[in-house]
């Protein structure tokens, strides 16, 4: 039978993973807001450069903002996956499937 729970084995108490998971939505909104505000500020108040240099600078800063956005989202996703893995590991214990020994009828004492 698949996934037989081990009787009498209590579930591990929750820990830091739940605290992190509860704060993840606010961290996402805060981080995205800061990245968007930085991007908007770069376009609202650009440095005093000649027009051809300003266009190149703004394009470069757009790519920097995209890079920061992707790194931030990757970080959030990695933290989320880590919390989910810890939650699964702290779940109930399961009985392993029997593994028949090929060379003996019974295991050694």
PDB file of N, CA and C in Angstrom:
ATOM      1  N   UNK A   1       0.843  -1.176   0.000  1.00  0.00           N
ATOM      2  CA  UNK A   1       0.000   0.000   0.000  1.00  0.00           C
ATOM      3  C   UNK A   1       0.893   1.244   0.000  1.00  0.00           C
ATOM      4  N   UNK A   2       0.452   2.259  -0.657  1.00  0.00           N
ATOM      5  CA  UNK A   2       1.244   3.464  -0.837  1.00  0.00           C
ATOM      6  C   UNK A   2       1.042   4.436   0.325  1.00  0.00           C
ATOM      7  N   UNK A   3       2.132   4.960   0.848  1.00  0.00           N
ATOM      8  CA  UNK A   3       2.130   5.989   1.895  1.00  0.00           C
ATOM      9  C   UNK A   3       1.379   5.574   3.162  1.00  0.00           C
ATOM     10  N   UNK A   4       1.871   4.548   3.813  1.00  0.00           N
ATOM     11  CA  UNK A   4       1.329   4.137   5.109  1.00  0.00           C
ATOM     12  C   UNK A   4       1.946   4.998   6.199  1.00  0.00           C
ATOM     13  N   UNK A   5       1.130   5.711   6.956  1.00  0.00           N
ATOM     14  CA  UNK A   5       1.655   6.553   8.034  1.00  0.00           C
ATOM     15  C   UNK A   5       2.136   5.681   9.178  1.00  0.00           C
ATOM     16  N   UNK A   6       3.243   6.094   9.771  1.00  0.00           N
ATOM     17  CA  UNK A   6       3.817   5.388  10.902  1.00  0.00           C
ATOM     18  C   UNK A   6       2.974   5.693  12.134  1.00  0.00           C
ATOM     19  N   UNK A   7       2.409   4.669  12.783  1.00  0.00           N
ATOM     20  CA  UNK A   7       1.544   4.932  13.936  1.00  0.00           C
ATOM     21  C   UNK A   7       2.353   5.419  15.138  1.00  0.00           C
ATOM     22  N   UNK A   8       1.769   6.333  15.885  1.00  0.00           N
ATOM     23  CA  UNK A   8       2.390   6.821  17.109  1.00  0.00           C
ATOM     24  C   UNK A   8       3.528   7.798  16.896  1.00  0.00           C
ATOM     25  N   UNK A   9       3.726   8.270  15.685  1.00  0.00           N
ATOM     26  CA  UNK A   9       4.802   9.225  15.403  1.00  0.00           C
ATOM     27  C   UNK A   9       4.178  10.604  15.252  1.00  0.00           C
ATOM     28  N   UNK A  10       4.412  11.519  16.200  1.00  0.00           N
ATOM     29  CA  UNK A  10       3.749  12.839  16.134  1.00  0.00           C
ATOM     30  C   UNK A  10       4.380  13.717  15.053  1.00  0.00           C
ATOM     31  N   UNK A  11       3.595  14.637  14.594  1.00  0.00           N
ATOM     32  CA  UNK A  11       4.089  15.612  13.622  1.00  0.00           C
ATOM     33  C   UNK A  11       5.018  16.587  14.336  1.00  0.00           C
ATOM     34  N   UNK A  12       6.102  16.982  13.697  1.00  0.00           N
ATOM     35  CA  UNK A  12       7.051  17.924  14.296  1.00  0.00           C
ATOM     36  C   UNK A  12       6.393  19.293  14.465  1.00  0.00           C
ATOM     37  N   UNK A  13       6.764  20.013  15.508  1.00  0.00           N
ATOM     38  CA  UNK A  13       6.162  21.344  15.704  1.00  0.00           C
ATOM     39  C   UNK A  13       6.613  22.322  14.620  1.00  0.00           C
ATOM     40  N   UNK A  14       5.720  23.234  14.292  1.00  0.00           N
ATOM     41  CA  UNK A  14       6.072  24.217  13.268  1.00  0.00           C
ATOM     42  C   UNK A  14       7.113  25.179  13.832  1.00  0.00           C
ATOM     43  N   UNK A  15       7.861  25.760  12.951  1.00  0.00           N
ATOM     44  CA  UNK A  15       8.948  26.631  13.384  1.00  0.00           C
ATOM     45  C   UNK A  15       9.063  27.868  12.519  1.00  0.00           C
ATOM     46  N   UNK A  16      10.274  28.188  12.158  1.00  0.00           N
ATOM     47  CA  UNK A  16      10.585  29.409  11.423  1.00  0.00           C
ATOM     48  C   UNK A  16       9.981  29.415  10.020  1.00  0.00           C
ATOM     49  N   UNK A  17       9.752  28.225   9.444  1.00  0.00           N
ATOM     50  CA  UNK A  17       9.245  28.183   8.067  1.00  0.00           C
ATOM     51  C   UNK A  17       7.868  28.831   7.941  1.00  0.00           C
ATOM     52  N   UNK A  18       7.003  28.693   8.949  1.00  0.00           N
ATOM     53  CA  UNK A  18       5.686  29.318   8.886  1.00  0.00           C
ATOM     54  C   UNK A  18       5.792  30.829   9.033  1.00  0.00           C
ATOM     55  N   UNK A  19       6.702  31.286   9.878  1.00  0.00           N
ATOM     56  CA  UNK A  19       6.893  32.729  10.029  1.00  0.00           C
ATOM     57  C   UNK A  19       7.376  33.348   8.722  1.00  0.00           C
ATOM     58  N   UNK A  20       8.289  32.654   8.051  1.00  0.00           N
ATOM     59  CA  UNK A  20       8.803  33.152   6.771  1.00  0.00           C
ATOM     60  C   UNK A  20       7.703  33.136   5.720  1.00  0.00           C
ATOM     61  N   UNK A  21       6.935  32.046   5.648  1.00  0.00           N
ATOM     62  CA  UNK A  21       5.852  31.956   4.657  1.00  0.00           C
ATOM     63  C   UNK A  21       4.804  33.049   4.862  1.00  0.00           C
ATOM     64  N   UNK A  22       4.516  33.388   6.115  1.00  0.00           N
ATOM     65  CA  UNK A  22       3.529  34.432   6.381  1.00  0.00           C
ATOM     66  C   UNK A  22       4.034  35.810   5.984  1.00  0.00           C
ATOM     67  N   UNK A  23       5.334  36.018   6.032  1.00  0.00           N
ATOM     68  CA  UNK A  23       5.911  37.324   5.679  1.00  0.00           C
ATOM     69  C   UNK A  23       6.253  37.438   4.195  1.00  0.00           C
ATOM     70  N   UNK A  24       6.210  36.345   3.475  1.00  0.00           N
ATOM     71  CA  UNK A  24       6.604  36.354   2.067  1.00  0.00           C
ATOM     72  C   UNK A  24       5.727  37.257   1.192  1.00  0.00           C
ATOM     73  N   UNK A  25       4.399  37.283   1.340  1.00  0.00           N
ATOM     74  CA  UNK A  25       3.608  38.198   0.503  1.00  0.00           C
ATOM     75  C   UNK A  25       3.956  39.672   0.731  1.00  0.00           C
ATOM     76  N   UNK A  26       4.145  40.059   1.989  1.00  0.00           N
ATOM     77  CA  UNK A  26       4.499  41.456   2.266  1.00  0.00           C
ATOM     78  C   UNK A  26       5.898  41.779   1.729  1.00  0.00           C
ATOM     79  N   UNK A  27       6.807  40.840   1.841  1.00  0.00           N
ATOM     80  CA  UNK A  27       8.147  41.051   1.292  1.00  0.00           C
ATOM     81  C   UNK A  27       8.085  41.200  -0.225  1.00  0.00           C
ATOM     82  N   UNK A  28       7.214  40.428  -0.867  1.00  0.00           N
ATOM     83  CA  UNK A  28       7.065  40.523  -2.318  1.00  0.00           C
ATOM     84  C   UNK A  28       6.541  41.895  -2.719  1.00  0.00           C
ATOM     85  N   UNK A  29       5.493  42.335  -2.065  1.00  0.00           N
ATOM     86  CA  UNK A  29       4.906  43.640  -2.394  1.00  0.00           C
ATOM     87  C   UNK A  29       5.897  44.763  -2.113  1.00  0.00           C
ATOM     88  N   UNK A  30       6.574  44.692  -0.984  1.00  0.00           N
ATOM     89  CA  UNK A  30       7.546  45.730  -0.630  1.00  0.00           C
ATOM     90  C   UNK A  30       8.700  45.777  -1.637  1.00  0.00           C
ATOM     91  N   UNK A  31       9.243  44.631  -1.961  1.00  0.00           N
ATOM     92  CA  UNK A  31      10.355  44.589  -2.901  1.00  0.00           C
ATOM     93  C   UNK A  31       9.968  45.069  -4.283  1.00  0.00           C
ATOM     94  N   UNK A  32       8.811  44.631  -4.779  1.00  0.00           N
ATOM     95  CA  UNK A  32       8.366  45.074  -6.103  1.00  0.00           C
ATOM     96  C   UNK A  32       8.086  46.573  -6.114  1.00  0.00           C
ATOM     97  N   UNK A  33       7.552  47.096  -5.009  1.00  0.00           N
ATOM     98  CA  UNK A  33       7.300  48.536  -4.919  1.00  0.00           C
ATOM     99  C   UNK A  33       8.609  49.320  -4.945  1.00  0.00           C
ATOM    100  N   UNK A  34       9.600  48.848  -4.208  1.00  0.00           N
ATOM    101  CA  UNK A  34      10.897  49.546  -4.202  1.00  0.00           C
ATOM    102  C   UNK A  34      11.575  49.502  -5.566  1.00  0.00           C
ATOM    103  N   UNK A  35      11.508  48.370  -6.227  1.00  0.00           N
ATOM    104  CA  UNK A  35      12.118  48.263  -7.560  1.00  0.00           C
ATOM    105  C   UNK A  35      11.396  49.178  -8.545  1.00  0.00           C
ATOM    106  N   UNK A  36      10.050  49.185  -8.500  1.00  0.00           N
ATOM    107  CA  UNK A  36       9.285  50.055  -9.397  1.00  0.00           C
ATOM    108  C   UNK A  36       9.533  51.531  -9.083  1.00  0.00           C
ATOM    109  N   UNK A  37       9.662  51.866  -7.802  1.00  0.00           N
ATOM    110  CA  UNK A  37       9.928  53.262  -7.435  1.00  0.00           C
ATOM    111  C   UNK A  37      11.310  53.701  -7.920  1.00  0.00           C
ATOM    112  N   UNK A  38      12.287  52.816  -7.801  1.00  0.00           N
ATOM    113  CA  UNK A  38      13.621  53.147  -8.309  1.00  0.00           C
ATOM    114  C   UNK A  38      13.632  53.337  -9.810  1.00  0.00           C
ATOM    115  N   UNK A  39      12.915  52.460 -10.506  1.00  0.00           N
ATOM    116  CA  UNK A  39      12.834  52.582 -11.966  1.00  0.00           C
ATOM    117  C   UNK A  39      12.138  53.887 -12.363  1.00  0.00           C
ATOM    118  N   UNK A  40      11.030  54.202 -11.673  1.00  0.00           N
ATOM    119  CA  UNK A  40      10.300  55.434 -11.981  1.00  0.00           C
ATOM    120  C   UNK A  40      11.138  56.668 -11.659  1.00  0.00           C
ATOM    121  N   UNK A  41      11.899  56.609 -10.577  1.00  0.00           N
ATOM    122  CA  UNK A  41      12.744  57.756 -10.211  1.00  0.00           C
ATOM    123  C   UNK A  41      13.847  57.982 -11.236  1.00  0.00           C
ATOM    124  N   UNK A  42      14.395  56.892 -11.771  1.00  0.00           N
ATOM    125  CA  UNK A  42      15.434  57.058 -12.803  1.00  0.00           C
ATOM    126  C   UNK A  42      14.878  57.745 -14.038  1.00  0.00           C
ATOM    127  N   UNK A  43      13.616  57.466 -14.384  1.00  0.00           N
ATOM    128  CA  UNK A  43      13.024  58.095 -15.569  1.00  0.00           C
ATOM    129  C   UNK A  43      12.471  59.483 -15.272  1.00  0.00           C
ATOM    130  N   UNK A  44      12.054  59.725 -14.033  1.00  0.00           N
ATOM    131  CA  UNK A  44      11.503  61.034 -13.686  1.00  0.00           C
ATOM    132  C   UNK A  44      12.598  62.080 -13.503  1.00  0.00           C
ATOM    133  N   UNK A  45      13.707  61.666 -12.908  1.00  0.00           N
ATOM    134  CA  UNK A  45      14.812  62.601 -12.656  1.00  0.00           C
ATOM    135  C   UNK A  45      16.115  62.045 -13.215  1.00  0.00           C
ATOM    136  N   UNK A  46      16.265  62.039 -14.528  1.00  0.00           N
ATOM    137  CA  UNK A  46      17.504  61.516 -15.108  1.00  0.00           C
ATOM    138  C   UNK A  46      18.661  62.494 -14.884  1.00  0.00           C
ATOM    139  N   UNK A  47      19.881  61.995 -14.985  1.00  0.00           N
ATOM    140  CA  UNK A  47      21.026  62.898 -14.818  1.00  0.00           C
ATOM    141  C   UNK A  47      21.139  63.850 -16.010  1.00  0.00           C
ATOM    142  N   UNK A  48      21.875  64.926 -15.785  1.00  0.00           N
ATOM    143  CA  UNK A  48      22.062  65.923 -16.846  1.00  0.00           C
ATOM    144  C   UNK A  48      23.143  65.430 -17.800  1.00  0.00           C
ATOM    145  N   UNK A  49      22.716  64.777 -18.857  1.00  0.00           N
ATOM    146  CA  UNK A  49      23.630  64.247 -19.873  1.00  0.00           C
ATOM    147  C   UNK A  49      23.148  64.707 -21.240  1.00  0.00           C
ATOM    148  N   UNK A  50      24.041  64.697 -22.208  1.00  0.00           N
ATOM    149  CA  UNK A  50      23.570  64.958 -23.579  1.00  0.00           C
ATOM    150  C   UNK A  50      22.546  63.911 -23.998  1.00  0.00           C
ATOM    151  N   UNK A  51      21.688  64.247 -24.944  1.00  0.00           N
ATOM    152  CA  UNK A  51      20.552  63.392 -25.284  1.00  0.00           C
ATOM    153  C   UNK A  51      20.971  61.986 -25.731  1.00  0.00           C
ATOM    154  N   UNK A  52      22.047  61.867 -26.508  1.00  0.00           N
ATOM    155  CA  UNK A  52      22.448  60.530 -26.971  1.00  0.00           C
ATOM    156  C   UNK A  52      23.001  59.696 -25.813  1.00  0.00           C
ATOM    157  N   UNK A  53      23.685  60.336 -24.870  1.00  0.00           N
ATOM    158  CA  UNK A  53      24.182  59.605 -23.704  1.00  0.00           C
ATOM    159  C   UNK A  53      23.045  59.289 -22.726  1.00  0.00           C
ATOM    160  N   UNK A  54      22.080  60.186 -22.640  1.00  0.00           N
ATOM    161  CA  UNK A  54      20.948  59.967 -21.748  1.00  0.00           C
ATOM    162  C   UNK A  54      20.129  58.761 -22.193  1.00  0.00           C
ATOM    163  N   UNK A  55      19.897  58.624 -23.484  1.00  0.00           N
ATOM    164  CA  UNK A  55      19.139  57.474 -23.993  1.00  0.00           C
ATOM    165  C   UNK A  55      19.872  56.169 -23.686  1.00  0.00           C
ATOM    166  N   UNK A  56      21.191  56.168 -23.866  1.00  0.00           N
ATOM    167  CA  UNK A  56      21.973  54.967 -23.558  1.00  0.00           C
ATOM    168  C   UNK A  56      21.956  54.681 -22.059  1.00  0.00           C
ATOM    169  N   UNK A  57      22.051  55.742 -21.251  1.00  0.00           N
ATOM    170  CA  UNK A  57      22.036  55.552 -19.799  1.00  0.00           C
ATOM    171  C   UNK A  57      20.698  54.994 -19.330  1.00  0.00           C
ATOM    172  N   UNK A  58      19.592  55.553 -19.855  1.00  0.00           N
ATOM    173  CA  UNK A  58      18.273  55.066 -19.461  1.00  0.00           C
ATOM    174  C   UNK A  58      18.057  53.616 -19.889  1.00  0.00           C
ATOM    175  N   UNK A  59      18.524  53.262 -21.068  1.00  0.00           N
ATOM    176  CA  UNK A  59      18.405  51.877 -21.520  1.00  0.00           C
ATOM    177  C   UNK A  59      19.201  50.948 -20.612  1.00  0.00           C
ATOM    178  N   UNK A  60      20.412  51.364 -20.269  1.00  0.00           N
ATOM    179  CA  UNK A  60      21.243  50.561 -19.372  1.00  0.00           C
ATOM    180  C   UNK A  60      20.577  50.408 -18.006  1.00  0.00           C
ATOM    181  N   UNK A  61      19.999  51.473 -17.481  1.00  0.00           N
ATOM    182  CA  UNK A  61      19.342  51.409 -16.181  1.00  0.00           C
ATOM    183  C   UNK A  61      18.062  50.573 -16.245  1.00  0.00           C
ATOM    184  N   UNK A  62      17.381  50.552 -17.382  1.00  0.00           N
ATOM    185  CA  UNK A  62      16.233  49.663 -17.548  1.00  0.00           C
ATOM    186  C   UNK A  62      16.660  48.206 -17.428  1.00  0.00           C
ATOM    187  N   UNK A  63      17.773  47.879 -18.044  1.00  0.00           N
ATOM    188  CA  UNK A  63      18.288  46.511 -17.953  1.00  0.00           C
ATOM    189  C   UNK A  63      18.748  46.187 -16.529  1.00  0.00           C
ATOM    190  N   UNK A  64      19.329  47.151 -15.853  1.00  0.00           N
ATOM    191  CA  UNK A  64      19.718  46.933 -14.453  1.00  0.00           C
ATOM    192  C   UNK A  64      18.480  46.679 -13.599  1.00  0.00           C
ATOM    193  N   UNK A  65      17.432  47.465 -13.811  1.00  0.00           N
ATOM    194  CA  UNK A  65      16.190  47.279 -13.051  1.00  0.00           C
ATOM    195  C   UNK A  65      15.585  45.905 -13.344  1.00  0.00           C
ATOM    196  N   UNK A  66      15.602  45.476 -14.599  1.00  0.00           N
ATOM    197  CA  UNK A  66      15.108  44.135 -14.931  1.00  0.00           C
ATOM    198  C   UNK A  66      15.951  43.056 -14.258  1.00  0.00           C
ATOM    199  N   UNK A  67      17.253  43.243 -14.245  1.00  0.00           N
ATOM    200  CA  UNK A  67      18.127  42.285 -13.577  1.00  0.00           C
ATOM    201  C   UNK A  67      17.841  42.191 -12.087  1.00  0.00           C
ATOM    202  N   UNK A  68      17.662  43.336 -11.444  1.00  0.00           N
ATOM    203  CA  UNK A  68      17.346  43.348 -10.017  1.00  0.00           C
ATOM    204  C   UNK A  68      15.996  42.678  -9.779  1.00  0.00           C
ATOM    205  N   UNK A  69      15.030  42.937 -10.655  1.00  0.00           N
ATOM    206  CA  UNK A  69      13.708  42.316 -10.531  1.00  0.00           C
ATOM    207  C   UNK A  69      13.800  40.792 -10.625  1.00  0.00           C
ATOM    208  N   UNK A  70      14.529  40.282 -11.610  1.00  0.00           N
ATOM    209  CA  UNK A  70      14.640  38.830 -11.774  1.00  0.00           C
ATOM    210  C   UNK A  70      15.404  38.182 -10.625  1.00  0.00           C
ATOM    211  N   UNK A  71      16.433  38.830 -10.132  1.00  0.00           N
ATOM    212  CA  UNK A  71      17.163  38.289  -8.983  1.00  0.00           C
ATOM    213  C   UNK A  71      16.260  38.268  -7.751  1.00  0.00           C
ATOM    214  N   UNK A  72      15.494  39.316  -7.561  1.00  0.00           N
ATOM    215  CA  UNK A  72      14.579  39.389  -6.414  1.00  0.00           C
ATOM    216  C   UNK A  72      13.517  38.296  -6.486  1.00  0.00           C
ATOM    217  N   UNK A  73      12.914  38.117  -7.653  1.00  0.00           N
ATOM    218  CA  UNK A  73      11.886  37.088  -7.800  1.00  0.00           C
ATOM    219  C   UNK A  73      12.474  35.689  -7.638  1.00  0.00           C
ATOM    220  N   UNK A  74      13.686  35.476  -8.130  1.00  0.00           N
ATOM    221  CA  UNK A  74      14.351  34.190  -7.953  1.00  0.00           C
ATOM    222  C   UNK A  74      14.625  33.931  -6.473  1.00  0.00           C
ATOM    223  N   UNK A  75      15.041  34.947  -5.749  1.00  0.00           N
ATOM    224  CA  UNK A  75      15.279  34.815  -4.318  1.00  0.00           C
ATOM    225  C   UNK A  75      13.992  34.448  -3.580  1.00  0.00           C
ATOM    226  N   UNK A  76      12.906  35.127  -3.897  1.00  0.00           N
ATOM    227  CA  UNK A  76      11.625  34.827  -3.251  1.00  0.00           C
ATOM    228  C   UNK A  76      11.179  33.401  -3.550  1.00  0.00           C
ATOM    229  N   UNK A  77      11.312  32.980  -4.803  1.00  0.00           N
ATOM    230  CA  UNK A  77      10.905  31.628  -5.180  1.00  0.00           C
ATOM    231  C   UNK A  77      11.763  30.584  -4.470  1.00  0.00           C
ATOM    232  N   UNK A  78      13.054  30.846  -4.339  1.00  0.00           N
ATOM    233  CA  UNK A  78      13.949  29.912  -3.655  1.00  0.00           C
ATOM    234  C   UNK A  78      13.590  29.793  -2.181  1.00  0.00           C
ATOM    235  N   UNK A  79      13.309  30.899  -1.540  1.00  0.00           N
ATOM    236  CA  UNK A  79      12.911  30.868  -0.130  1.00  0.00           C
ATOM    237  C   UNK A  79      11.586  30.123   0.026  1.00  0.00           C
ATOM    238  N   UNK A  80      10.635  30.363  -0.894  1.00  0.00           N
ATOM    239  CA  UNK A  80       9.356  29.666  -0.846  1.00  0.00           C
ATOM    240  C   UNK A  80       9.534  28.152  -0.993  1.00  0.00           C
ATOM    241  N   UNK A  81      10.330  27.729  -1.952  1.00  0.00           N
ATOM    242  CA  UNK A  81      10.572  26.296  -2.158  1.00  0.00           C
ATOM    243  C   UNK A  81      11.251  25.695  -0.923  1.00  0.00           C
ATOM    244  N   UNK A  82      12.196  26.407  -0.331  1.00  0.00           N
ATOM    245  CA  UNK A  82      12.848  25.920   0.884  1.00  0.00           C
ATOM    246  C   UNK A  82      11.861  25.728   2.024  1.00  0.00           C
ATOM    247  N   UNK A  83      10.940  26.677   2.197  1.00  0.00           N
ATOM    248  CA  UNK A  83       9.928  26.547   3.258  1.00  0.00           C
ATOM    249  C   UNK A  83       9.005  25.369   2.989  1.00  0.00           C
ATOM    250  N   UNK A  84       8.619  25.173   1.743  1.00  0.00           N
ATOM    251  CA  UNK A  84       7.745  24.044   1.405  1.00  0.00           C
ATOM    252  C   UNK A  84       8.460  22.718   1.668  1.00  0.00           C
ATOM    253  N   UNK A  85       9.731  22.643   1.347  1.00  0.00           N
ATOM    254  CA  UNK A  85      10.492  21.414   1.599  1.00  0.00           C
ATOM    255  C   UNK A  85      10.556  21.127   3.095  1.00  0.00           C
ATOM    256  N   UNK A  86      10.788  22.152   3.902  1.00  0.00           N
ATOM    257  CA  UNK A  86      10.835  21.955   5.359  1.00  0.00           C
ATOM    258  C   UNK A  86       9.467  21.514   5.876  1.00  0.00           C
ATOM    259  N   UNK A  87       8.394  22.103   5.343  1.00  0.00           N
ATOM    260  CA  UNK A  87       7.047  21.686   5.751  1.00  0.00           C
ATOM    261  C   UNK A  87       6.800  20.213   5.426  1.00  0.00           C
ATOM    262  N   UNK A  88       7.225  19.787   4.260  1.00  0.00           N
ATOM    263  CA  UNK A  88       7.042  18.389   3.879  1.00  0.00           C
ATOM    264  C   UNK A  88       7.877  17.485   4.768  1.00  0.00           C
ATOM    265  N   UNK A  89       9.089  17.901   5.068  1.00  0.00           N
ATOM    266  CA  UNK A  89       9.959  17.079   5.906  1.00  0.00           C
ATOM    267  C   UNK A  89       9.431  16.981   7.339  1.00  0.00           C
ATOM    268  N   UNK A  90       8.748  18.003   7.821  1.00  0.00           N
ATOM    269  CA  UNK A  90       8.213  17.976   9.176  1.00  0.00           C
ATOM    270  C   UNK A  90       6.852  17.293   9.253  1.00  0.00           C
ATOM    271  N   UNK A  91       6.355  16.838   8.139  1.00  0.00           N
ATOM    272  CA  UNK A  91       5.052  16.177   8.106  1.00  0.00           C
ATOM    273  C   UNK A  91       5.088  14.828   8.795  1.00  0.00           C
ATOM    274  N   UNK A  92       4.010  14.063   8.670  1.00  0.00           N
ATOM    275  CA  UNK A  92       3.948  12.764   9.341  1.00  0.00           C
ATOM    276  C   UNK A  92       4.972  11.792   8.766  1.00  0.00           C
ATOM    277  N   UNK A  93       5.393  10.847   9.597  1.00  0.00           N
ATOM    278  CA  UNK A  93       6.343   9.830   9.153  1.00  0.00           C
ATOM    279  C   UNK A  93       5.586   8.713   8.436  1.00  0.00           C
ATOM    280  N   UNK A  94       6.237   8.107   7.478  1.00  0.00           N
ATOM    281  CA  UNK A  94       5.621   7.034   6.707  1.00  0.00           C
ATOM    282  C   UNK A  94       6.457   5.771   6.829  1.00  0.00           C
ATOM    283  N   UNK A  95       5.801   4.632   6.738  1.00  0.00           N
ATOM    284  CA  UNK A  95       6.470   3.343   6.776  1.00  0.00           C
ATOM    285  C   UNK A  95       7.079   3.101   5.403  1.00  0.00           C
ATOM    286  N   UNK A  96       8.326   2.690   5.396  1.00  0.00           N
ATOM    287  CA  UNK A  96       8.991   2.418   4.128  1.00  0.00           C
ATOM    288  C   UNK A  96       8.497   1.090   3.551  1.00  0.00           C
ATOM    289  N   UNK A  97       8.576   0.972   2.259  1.00  0.00           N
ATOM    290  CA  UNK A  97       8.219  -0.286   1.610  1.00  0.00           C
ATOM    291  C   UNK A  97       9.235  -1.350   1.986  1.00  0.00           C
ATOM    292  N   UNK A  98       8.798  -2.604   2.145  1.00  0.00           N
ATOM    293  CA  UNK A  98       9.757  -3.664   2.479  1.00  0.00           C
ATOM    294  C   UNK A  98      10.697  -3.905   1.300  1.00  0.00           C
ATOM    295  N   UNK A  99      11.917  -4.222   1.636  1.00  0.00           N
ATOM    296  CA  UNK A  99      12.920  -4.520   0.615  1.00  0.00           C
ATOM    297  C   UNK A  99      13.406  -5.940   0.841  1.00  0.00           C
ATOM    298  N   UNK A 100      13.010  -6.866  -0.014  1.00  0.00           N
ATOM    299  CA  UNK A 100      13.410  -8.260   0.197  1.00  0.00           C
ATOM    300  C   UNK A 100      14.920  -8.438  -0.041  1.00  0.00           C
ATOM    301  N   UNK A 101      15.550  -9.192   0.871  1.00  0.00           N
ATOM    302  CA  UNK A 101      16.965  -9.485   0.726  1.00  0.00           C
ATOM    303  C   UNK A 101      17.143 -10.655  -0.238  1.00  0.00           C
ATOM    304  N   UNK A 102      18.044 -10.514  -1.177  1.00  0.00           N
ATOM    305  CA  UNK A 102      18.191 -11.554  -2.186  1.00  0.00           C
ATOM    306  C   UNK A 102      19.071 -12.703  -1.742  1.00  0.00           C
ATOM    307  N   UNK A 103      19.999 -12.492  -0.787  1.00  0.00           N
ATOM    308  CA  UNK A 103      20.944 -13.539  -0.454  1.00  0.00           C
ATOM    309  C   UNK A 103      20.609 -14.277   0.844  1.00  0.00           C
ATOM    310  N   UNK A 104      19.634 -13.850   1.630  1.00  0.00           N
ATOM    311  CA  UNK A 104      19.287 -14.496   2.901  1.00  0.00           C
ATOM    312  C   UNK A 104      17.778 -14.540   3.051  1.00  0.00           C
ATOM    313  N   UNK A 105      17.342 -15.469   3.854  1.00  0.00           N
ATOM    314  CA  UNK A 105      15.925 -15.533   4.178  1.00  0.00           C
ATOM    315  C   UNK A 105      15.571 -14.524   5.266  1.00  0.00           C
ATOM    316  N   UNK A 106      16.542 -14.259   6.152  1.00  0.00           N
ATOM    317  CA  UNK A 106      16.327 -13.302   7.240  1.00  0.00           C
ATOM    318  C   UNK A 106      17.576 -12.453   7.388  1.00  0.00           C
ATOM    319  N   UNK A 107      17.445 -11.247   7.918  1.00  0.00           N
ATOM    320  CA  UNK A 107      18.633 -10.428   8.134  1.00  0.00           C
ATOM    321  C   UNK A 107      19.513 -10.998   9.255  1.00  0.00           C
ATOM    322  N   UNK A 108      20.766 -10.614   9.242  1.00  0.00           N
ATOM    323  CA  UNK A 108      21.690 -11.027  10.280  1.00  0.00           C
ATOM    324  C   UNK A 108      21.288 -10.440  11.621  1.00  0.00           C
ATOM    325  N   UNK A 109      21.532 -11.137  12.742  1.00  0.00           N
ATOM    326  CA  UNK A 109      21.163 -10.593  14.058  1.00  0.00           C
ATOM    327  C   UNK A 109      22.014  -9.414  14.444  1.00  0.00           C
TER     328      UNK A 109
END
